Amino acid sequence: MKTPADGARSGAPPERIDISSARELDKWSRRLDVTHDRLREAVRAVGSRAADIEWHLRGSRGAPRTARG
């Protein structure tokens, strides 16, 4: 299922995180409140889509997840 974060409703392409760019690493590390290393690990784990990375990082921090019924 697509979410607004990945451009499903706006028609915009999903945001991607380019870990080969120091500027991108800095920007996204601050935005997601993680270290560069943690961000690189997340990109390797789930790919470069920002929405997927954010979801992955939240799950790995033990954030509460909503139940779907």
Protein backbone atom coordinates (compact mmCIF):
# COMPACT_ATOMS: atom_id res chain seq x y z
CA MET A 1 0.00 0.00 0.00
CA LYS A 2 1.35 3.43 -0.88
CA THR A 3 1.41 6.25 1.62
CA PRO A 4 1.39 10.02 1.14
CA ALA A 5 5.08 10.02 2.07
CA ASP A 6 5.97 8.04 -1.03
CA GLY A 7 4.11 10.29 -3.43
CA ALA A 8 1.06 8.10 -3.97
CA ARG A 9 -1.40 10.97 -3.62
CA SER A 10 0.68 13.93 -4.71
CA GLY A 11 2.03 12.32 -7.87
CA ALA A 12 5.55 13.27 -6.78
CA PRO A 13 8.27 10.64 -6.78
CA PRO A 14 9.24 9.30 -3.35
CA GLU A 15 12.11 11.04 -1.56
CA ARG A 16 15.37 9.12 -1.71
CA ILE A 17 18.39 9.31 0.55
CA ASP A 18 21.76 9.32 -1.21
CA ILE A 19 24.23 8.03 1.38
CA SER A 20 27.16 8.72 -0.96
CA SER A 21 26.62 12.47 -0.45
CA ALA A 22 27.99 14.02 2.76
CA ARG A 23 25.38 16.79 2.53
CA GLU A 24 22.55 14.24 2.28
CA LEU A 25 23.96 12.23 5.19
CA ASP A 26 24.08 15.36 7.34
CA LYS A 27 20.58 16.51 6.36
CA TRP A 28 18.87 13.16 6.86
CA SER A 29 20.82 12.26 10.00
CA ARG A 30 19.61 15.48 11.61
CA ARG A 31 16.07 15.06 10.30
CA LEU A 32 15.81 11.47 11.55
CA ASP A 33 17.93 12.03 14.67
CA VAL A 34 20.38 9.20 13.96
CA THR A 35 24.11 8.87 13.38
CA HIS A 36 25.57 8.63 9.89
CA ASP A 37 26.42 4.99 10.55
CA ARG A 38 22.87 4.18 11.66
CA LEU A 39 21.47 5.90 8.57
CA ARG A 40 23.81 3.92 6.30
CA GLU A 41 22.74 0.67 8.01
CA ALA A 42 19.07 1.55 7.51
CA VAL A 43 19.61 2.29 3.80
CA ARG A 44 21.37 -1.04 3.38
CA ALA A 45 18.53 -2.80 5.19
CA VAL A 46 15.51 -1.30 3.42
CA GLY A 47 16.72 0.73 0.43
CA SER A 48 16.93 4.46 -0.22
CA ARG A 49 13.26 5.51 0.08
CA ALA A 50 13.03 8.00 2.94
CA ALA A 51 9.61 6.74 4.08
CA ASP A 52 10.91 3.16 4.33
CA ILE A 53 14.00 4.27 6.22
CA GLU A 54 11.97 6.32 8.67
CA TRP A 55 9.62 3.38 9.29
CA HIS A 56 12.58 1.04 9.77
CA LEU A 57 14.31 3.36 12.22
CA ARG A 58 11.17 3.89 14.25
CA GLY A 59 10.65 0.14 14.49
CA SER A 60 14.22 -0.45 15.57
CA ARG A 61 13.89 2.09 18.38
CA GLY A 62 11.03 0.17 19.91
CA ALA A 63 8.43 2.81 19.11
CA PRO A 64 4.87 1.71 19.71
CA ARG A 65 3.24 0.15 16.69
CA THR A 66 -0.45 0.37 16.03
CA ALA A 67 -2.42 -2.84 15.73
CA ARG A 68 -4.24 -3.51 12.52
CA GLY A 69 -7.36 -5.53 12.65
